[in-house]
Structure formats: C-alpha cells, structure tokens
Amino acid sequence: MADDSRTDTSSQLSSPGDHGSIDSGFVSPSSSTVSLPRISLTQPHVKHLNKQLESLHPMDILRFCKIFFPNLYQSTAFGLTGLVTVDMLSKLDAESPQAIDLIFLDTLYHFQETYDLVERVKARYNVHVHVFKPADVDNVGQFEELYGEKLYDMSAELYDWIAKVEPLQRAYSELKVAAVLTGRRRSQGGQRGDINVIELDDERGVIKINPLANWNFAQVKAYVTEHDVPYNALLDQGYKSIGDWHSTVPVGEGEDERAGRWKGQDKTECGIHNKQSRYAQWLEQTAREQGQDIAVPAA
C-alpha cells in the first residue's frame, strides 16, 4: 500500500541513492543521491490494480491516483495526451485540493511553438511547472560550447542521456517523486504497444502511471476539441507527436502517430522510458570501438 512516511523499504523498487542499482554508465556532477520516497507494491498487487483500472475512464484512474499515491507528479512534453491529463486533473481539483505539479524537460531544442504552449497552459490552469535543463547549461550556446554542434546527430545516445535522461533523474531526486503520470498510450505503437496503466520502474525507483493507456489518438483529439484544451499550433501543420525540432517532422497520410519522430532512424523512444542499462551498454560498446578500457557498472 502507499506509505507517505518515506521510511518503508521495498524489494520491488530500488532507490537511486543506492549506487549499486544505478546502471546508466554515466555520472553527472549535478545528480543528487537523495533517496526517493518509497511505495511498497508487490508485483501481484500491481497486477490486481491494473486489472481493476483497465476498464476505468482516465478521469477515474486519475481520481484513484490522486488518493492513492503520495508525492505524485506529471512528467510531460505538452503533447496532446499530457494536455488531456492536465485538463482532467484540473476538473478534479474541486474534489481534492492536492495539486499535481508538472515536470518539463527543456532540452533547449524544443520548437518555439512548444515553449509558447507551456506559457498558455500555465496561464489557463494555474499549474506549477518544474523545468529541468541539461546540467550546468541554460541555453543552446552553452550546450554546444560544452558538447559541440549537433550532438544529437553525432551521438544520439549521449544526447539522450545529457538532455533527457539525466535531467529527469535529477527531477525525480530533487522533487522526491514517488509516482509519475506519463502521456504514453498503447496506440502509439513501438515499445508502448503493451504498456499497463501502472508500471514499476525499479531502476529509477518510481512508479509510472499511464492514465490514458487504452485511448487512441482520435479519442484524445476529440477530448481536446470538446473541452477547448490548448494545444501545440504545430498539430494543425501535420504534426501528431512533437519533440525536439531537429528530430520531428509532420506525419504523412496513413502513417503511425509517432512516425514523425526520428524519421528514418531505428528509434522510437527519446530515452526517458528506456532501461538505464541501455546507456551502460552504449558506453561499453563505444569504449570497445575506441580501444579504451572503462569500468562499466554491473547490472
């Protein structure tokens, strides 16, 4: 069950404060080692919850999550699904005063339309947005001075780590996140095709909740239209899934919703939902190709 005392321990969730559980292969000087709040959920319990939540409307899933999970946040890049979640949460405010703050990863390479949308959402819903950027930089110029131009092309894995994975881990740690709402849906395909409503991310020590997991794009778009939810202006230009400007293009007729992300690449995720061990494997492979010896953390 949920435990807001922050003193419980669980074999299902590993704390990022335990260095033996971190398998990223990278170390950031800005990463915190503060332990996260703990929630004890066994796998059978999670299976039971998913069975009960599967048939519920996303609003009811969110209603349950606000009651059940302490230190609950929403991680969003302000895509349509995340915006629907924000709107639904605002409608639940009358029932429960517990505010759900947002976590936004500013990679520094978002479209201007995305930054404009962030301000519109803040004004519309009076929601607090915690912005996390790559460590030790505030703008593109500083980023490229440290890592060179077009790091996203030169080393996509390293870019993912620096711009997305490490900042999110820092957010989890600094905010003491116990559970986080995401905008993933099964209809988006790829690695998302079989996600559950509730997932244990035992590598990062948090519980991930996908409240709109069983909705499709048409349902999401219909909700946005019906409730006049603010959305990214790029949606009207053929974009359906919007990330960094350097890796996002409009979706063609008949293409999958996320077909415009990393077009032509063997890639479907930005990194924050990948296993941390993926980066250790990448580091080891890179070192091997360069003929270097490097100590890679054990899984």
Protein backbone atom coordinates (compact mmCIF):
# COMPACT_ATOMS: atom_id res chain seq x y z
CA MET A 1 0.00 0.00 0.00
CA ALA A 2 1.02 3.63 -0.30
CA ASP A 3 3.21 4.89 2.52
CA ASP A 4 3.72 8.61 2.98
CA SER A 5 6.14 8.15 5.86
CA ARG A 6 9.07 7.72 3.45
CA THR A 7 10.66 5.15 5.73
CA ASP A 8 9.37 1.97 4.12
CA THR A 9 11.61 -0.29 2.09
CA SER A 10 10.64 -2.47 -0.83
CA SER A 11 12.42 -5.13 -2.84
CA GLN A 12 10.37 -4.08 -5.85
CA LEU A 13 11.71 -0.53 -6.04
CA SER A 14 15.41 0.31 -5.90
CA SER A 15 16.44 3.71 -4.63
CA PRO A 16 18.69 5.85 -6.83
CA GLY A 17 20.51 6.63 -3.60
CA ASP A 18 21.82 3.06 -3.73
CA HIS A 19 24.68 3.38 -6.22
CA GLY A 20 24.64 -0.34 -6.85
CA SER A 21 21.23 -0.02 -8.50
CA ILE A 22 22.25 2.66 -10.99
CA ASP A 23 23.28 1.17 -14.31
CA SER A 24 23.47 4.20 -16.51
CA GLY A 25 27.18 4.16 -17.27
CA PHE A 26 27.30 7.93 -16.78
CA VAL A 27 27.87 10.13 -13.76
CA SER A 28 26.61 13.71 -13.59
CA PRO A 29 28.19 16.17 -11.18
CA SER A 30 24.73 17.63 -10.61
CA SER A 31 22.94 14.36 -9.89
CA SER A 32 21.59 14.05 -6.38
CA THR A 33 21.90 10.88 -4.34
CA VAL A 34 18.98 11.68 -2.06
CA SER A 35 16.73 8.64 -1.66
CA LEU A 36 13.24 8.88 -3.10
CA PRO A 37 10.02 8.28 -1.18
CA ARG A 38 9.12 4.61 -1.10
CA ILE A 39 5.90 2.92 -2.09
CA SER A 40 5.57 -0.79 -1.44
CA LEU A 41 3.71 -2.56 -4.21
CA THR A 42 4.31 -6.22 -4.92
CA GLN A 43 4.00 -7.49 -8.48
CA PRO A 44 0.77 -9.39 -7.64
CA HIS A 45 -0.62 -6.16 -6.18
CA VAL A 46 0.27 -4.22 -9.32
CA LYS A 47 -1.33 -6.92 -11.45
CA HIS A 48 -4.50 -6.66 -9.38
CA LEU A 49 -4.57 -2.86 -9.64
CA ASN A 50 -4.06 -2.96 -13.40
CA LYS A 51 -6.91 -5.41 -13.78
CA GLN A 52 -9.21 -3.10 -11.82
CA LEU A 53 -8.07 0.11 -13.54
CA GLU A 54 -8.02 -1.22 -17.11
CA SER A 55 -11.72 -0.66 -17.75
CA LEU A 56 -11.98 2.69 -15.97
CA HIS A 57 -12.25 6.07 -17.66
CA PRO A 58 -8.96 8.02 -17.42
CA MET A 59 -10.68 10.55 -15.14
CA ASP A 60 -11.44 7.76 -12.67
CA ILE A 61 -7.89 6.46 -12.93
CA LEU A 62 -6.59 9.93 -12.10
CA ARG A 63 -9.08 10.24 -9.24
CA PHE A 64 -7.73 7.00 -7.79
CA CYS A 65 -4.10 8.02 -8.28
CA LYS A 66 -4.55 11.36 -6.52
CA ILE A 67 -5.85 9.49 -3.47
CA PHE A 68 -3.53 6.51 -3.52
CA PHE A 69 -0.08 7.84 -4.45
CA PRO A 70 1.94 10.31 -2.34
CA ASN A 71 4.43 12.68 -4.00
CA LEU A 72 2.63 12.35 -7.34
CA TYR A 73 3.81 14.43 -10.31
CA GLN A 74 3.13 14.57 -14.04
CA SER A 75 6.01 14.41 -16.49
CA THR A 76 5.04 15.99 -19.81
CA ALA A 77 6.40 17.46 -23.01
CA PHE A 78 2.97 19.07 -23.54
CA GLY A 79 1.83 16.60 -26.15
CA LEU A 80 -1.89 16.02 -26.63
CA THR A 81 -2.15 13.16 -24.14
CA GLY A 82 -0.36 15.11 -21.45
CA LEU A 83 -2.58 18.12 -22.09
CA VAL A 84 -5.70 15.99 -21.70
CA THR A 85 -4.31 14.73 -18.39
CA VAL A 86 -3.69 18.31 -17.22
CA ASP A 87 -7.26 19.27 -18.12
CA MET A 88 -8.75 16.25 -16.39
CA LEU A 89 -6.72 16.92 -13.25
CA SER A 90 -7.97 20.50 -13.21
CA LYS A 91 -11.54 19.20 -13.20
CA LEU A 92 -10.72 17.04 -10.16
CA ASP A 93 -9.45 20.00 -8.15
CA ALA A 94 -12.91 20.58 -6.69
CA GLU A 95 -12.88 17.05 -5.27
CA SER A 96 -9.34 17.08 -3.94
CA PRO A 97 -7.13 20.09 -3.24
CA GLN A 98 -3.96 18.08 -3.86
CA ALA A 99 -2.17 19.87 -6.70
CA ILE A 100 -0.24 17.79 -9.22
CA ASP A 101 2.81 19.74 -10.40
CA LEU A 102 4.31 19.23 -13.85
CA ILE A 103 7.86 18.23 -14.78
CA PHE A 104 9.05 19.60 -18.12
CA LEU A 105 12.42 18.60 -19.59
CA ASP A 106 13.72 21.58 -21.52
CA THR A 107 16.23 20.02 -23.88
CA LEU A 108 16.89 23.55 -25.23
CA TYR A 109 15.89 22.27 -28.69
CA HIS A 110 12.10 22.41 -28.47
CA PHE A 111 10.07 24.24 -31.11
CA GLN A 112 9.14 27.82 -30.22
CA GLU A 113 5.51 26.69 -30.52
CA THR A 114 6.14 24.28 -27.64
CA TYR A 115 7.58 26.99 -25.40
CA ASP A 116 4.61 29.21 -26.25
CA LEU A 117 2.24 26.38 -25.32
CA VAL A 118 3.90 25.93 -21.92
CA GLU A 119 3.06 29.54 -21.07
CA ARG A 120 -0.52 29.17 -22.29
CA VAL A 121 -1.03 26.06 -20.16
CA LYS A 122 0.41 27.75 -17.06
CA ALA A 123 -1.94 30.69 -17.55
CA ARG A 124 -5.01 28.54 -18.28
CA TYR A 125 -4.65 26.03 -15.45
CA ASN A 126 -2.56 27.92 -12.90
CA VAL A 127 -0.33 24.86 -12.65
CA HIS A 128 3.24 24.86 -11.40
CA VAL A 129 5.80 23.65 -13.93
CA HIS A 130 9.21 22.43 -12.73
CA VAL A 131 11.67 22.95 -15.60
CA PHE A 132 14.81 20.81 -15.78
CA LYS A 133 17.53 21.52 -18.34
CA PRO A 134 20.77 19.70 -19.16
CA ALA A 135 23.16 20.04 -16.22
CA ASP A 136 25.22 23.23 -15.95
CA VAL A 137 23.78 24.99 -19.04
CA ASP A 138 20.95 27.44 -19.64
CA ASN A 139 20.86 27.85 -23.41
CA VAL A 140 21.85 26.27 -26.72
CA GLY A 141 25.04 28.30 -26.96
CA GLN A 142 26.33 26.99 -23.63
CA PHE A 143 25.24 23.46 -24.51
CA GLU A 144 27.09 23.47 -27.83
CA GLU A 145 30.14 25.08 -26.28
CA LEU A 146 30.38 22.08 -23.96
CA TYR A 147 29.36 19.30 -26.34
CA GLY A 148 29.79 20.70 -29.84
CA GLU A 149 27.22 21.38 -32.51
CA LYS A 150 24.67 18.75 -33.49
CA LEU A 151 25.45 16.32 -30.70
CA TYR A 152 22.02 14.85 -31.44
CA ASP A 153 23.41 13.70 -34.83
CA MET A 154 26.95 12.88 -33.76
CA SER A 155 25.97 10.77 -30.74
CA ALA A 156 22.25 10.30 -30.26
CA GLU A 157 22.66 8.10 -27.18
CA LEU A 158 24.86 10.63 -25.41
CA TYR A 159 22.47 13.42 -26.36
CA ASP A 160 19.53 11.47 -24.92
CA TRP A 161 21.40 11.00 -21.67
CA ILE A 162 22.53 14.61 -21.28
CA ALA A 163 19.36 16.34 -22.48
CA LYS A 164 16.66 13.99 -21.20
CA VAL A 165 17.57 11.02 -19.02
CA GLU A 166 19.87 12.72 -16.50
CA PRO A 167 17.61 15.78 -16.10
CA LEU A 168 14.62 13.54 -15.41
CA GLN A 169 16.55 11.51 -12.85
CA ARG A 170 17.59 14.80 -11.24
CA ALA A 171 13.94 15.88 -11.19
CA TYR A 172 12.88 12.64 -9.52
CA SER A 173 15.55 13.07 -6.88
CA GLU A 174 15.21 16.80 -6.17
CA LEU A 175 11.40 16.68 -6.06
CA LYS A 176 11.37 13.34 -4.22
CA VAL A 177 8.98 11.89 -6.78
CA ALA A 178 7.32 8.65 -5.73
CA ALA A 179 4.92 8.25 -8.66
CA VAL A 180 4.67 9.99 -12.01
CA LEU A 181 1.93 10.34 -14.62
CA THR A 182 3.02 9.91 -18.23
CA GLY A 183 1.39 10.51 -21.61
CA ARG A 184 2.13 7.10 -23.11
CA ARG A 185 -0.60 5.19 -24.92
CA ARG A 186 -0.69 1.72 -26.49
CA SER A 187 -2.00 3.08 -29.77
CA GLN A 188 1.28 4.97 -30.22
CA GLY A 189 2.87 1.62 -31.05
CA GLY A 190 6.53 0.65 -30.77
CA GLN A 191 7.61 -0.13 -27.22
CA ARG A 192 4.35 1.33 -25.96
CA GLY A 193 2.09 -1.27 -27.54
CA ASP A 194 1.67 -3.39 -24.42
CA ILE A 195 2.12 -0.95 -21.52
CA ASN A 196 -0.01 -1.28 -18.40
CA VAL A 197 -1.75 1.51 -16.57
CA ILE A 198 0.64 1.11 -13.63
CA GLU A 199 4.28 0.10 -14.02
CA LEU A 200 7.13 -0.38 -11.57
CA ASP A 201 10.28 1.36 -12.76
CA ASP A 202 12.58 -0.46 -10.38
CA GLU A 203 15.72 1.04 -11.95
CA ARG A 204 14.68 4.62 -11.25
CA GLY A 205 12.77 3.91 -8.07
CA VAL A 206 9.44 5.39 -9.17
CA ILE A 207 6.01 4.14 -10.16
CA LYS A 208 4.87 5.18 -13.63
CA ILE A 209 1.19 5.64 -14.35
CA ASN A 210 -0.25 5.78 -17.87
CA PRO A 211 -3.83 7.01 -17.29
CA LEU A 212 -4.75 7.17 -20.99
CA ALA A 213 -3.01 3.92 -21.92
CA ASN A 214 -6.05 2.48 -23.70
CA TRP A 215 -7.13 5.62 -25.58
CA ASN A 216 -6.32 6.20 -29.24
CA PHE A 217 -5.37 9.43 -31.00
CA ALA A 218 -8.92 10.10 -32.17
CA GLN A 219 -10.24 9.90 -28.60
CA VAL A 220 -7.53 12.23 -27.34
CA LYS A 221 -8.13 14.75 -30.13
CA ALA A 222 -11.90 14.60 -29.57
CA TYR A 223 -11.44 15.42 -25.89
CA VAL A 224 -9.16 18.35 -26.74
CA THR A 225 -11.78 19.73 -29.13
CA GLU A 226 -14.74 19.19 -26.82
CA HIS A 227 -13.09 20.79 -23.79
CA ASP A 228 -11.21 23.50 -25.68
CA VAL A 229 -7.86 22.32 -24.34
CA PRO A 230 -4.91 24.45 -25.51
CA TYR A 231 -2.61 22.52 -27.83
CA ASN A 232 0.54 22.93 -29.88
CA ALA A 233 -0.01 25.02 -33.01
CA LEU A 234 2.14 22.51 -34.93
CA LEU A 235 -0.68 19.98 -34.67
CA ASP A 236 -2.54 21.93 -37.35
CA GLN A 237 0.51 21.65 -39.61
CA GLY A 238 0.54 17.85 -39.73
CA TYR A 239 2.48 17.05 -36.58
CA LYS A 240 0.99 14.49 -34.20
CA SER A 241 3.86 13.74 -31.83
CA ILE A 242 6.19 16.66 -31.14
CA GLY A 243 9.67 16.53 -29.64
CA ASP A 244 12.85 18.42 -30.49
CA TRP A 245 12.83 20.39 -33.72
CA HIS A 246 15.85 18.50 -35.05
CA SER A 247 14.15 15.11 -34.81
CA THR A 248 10.47 15.82 -35.52
CA VAL A 249 8.65 16.13 -38.85
CA PRO A 250 4.97 16.13 -39.87
CA VAL A 251 3.22 12.78 -40.19
CA GLY A 252 2.17 11.66 -43.65
CA GLU A 253 -1.25 10.39 -44.62
CA GLY A 254 -1.80 6.90 -43.23
CA GLU A 255 1.41 6.94 -41.15
CA ASP A 256 1.51 5.99 -37.48
CA GLU A 257 1.07 8.73 -34.92
CA ARG A 258 4.75 8.79 -33.94
CA ALA A 259 6.11 8.24 -37.45
CA GLY A 260 7.36 11.79 -37.49
CA ARG A 261 9.76 11.21 -34.60
CA TRP A 262 13.32 10.25 -35.63
CA LYS A 263 12.17 9.73 -39.21
CA GLY A 264 14.29 7.13 -40.99
CA GLN A 265 16.05 6.03 -37.81
CA ASP A 266 15.79 2.77 -35.93
CA LYS A 267 14.48 4.57 -32.88
CA THR A 268 11.08 5.05 -31.24
CA GLU A 269 11.85 6.47 -27.78
CA CYS A 270 13.74 9.52 -26.54
CA GLY A 271 15.45 7.73 -23.68
CA ILE A 272 13.46 8.52 -20.56
CA HIS A 273 11.44 5.31 -20.83
CA ASN A 274 14.39 3.13 -21.83
CA LYS A 275 16.19 0.88 -19.39
CA GLN A 276 19.11 2.68 -17.80
CA SER A 277 21.28 -0.32 -18.63
CA ARG A 278 20.97 0.69 -22.29
CA TYR A 279 23.35 3.57 -21.66
CA ALA A 280 25.87 1.39 -19.88
CA GLN A 281 25.82 -0.93 -22.87
CA TRP A 282 26.29 2.00 -25.22
CA LEU A 283 29.22 3.33 -23.19
CA GLU A 284 30.86 -0.09 -23.13
CA GLN A 285 30.43 -0.51 -26.90
CA THR A 286 31.81 2.97 -27.59
CA ALA A 287 34.83 2.34 -25.41
CA ARG A 288 35.43 -1.01 -27.11
CA GLU A 289 35.30 0.60 -30.54
CA GLN A 290 37.81 3.20 -29.41
CA GLY A 291 40.08 0.59 -27.86
CA GLN A 292 39.72 2.05 -24.37
CA ASP A 293 39.39 0.33 -21.03
CA ILE A 294 36.44 1.53 -19.00
CA ALA A 295 34.69 0.30 -15.89
CA VAL A 296 31.02 -0.27 -16.55
CA PRO A 297 28.66 -0.61 -13.57
CA ALA A 298 27.22 -4.06 -13.03
CA ALA A 299 23.55 -4.58 -13.80
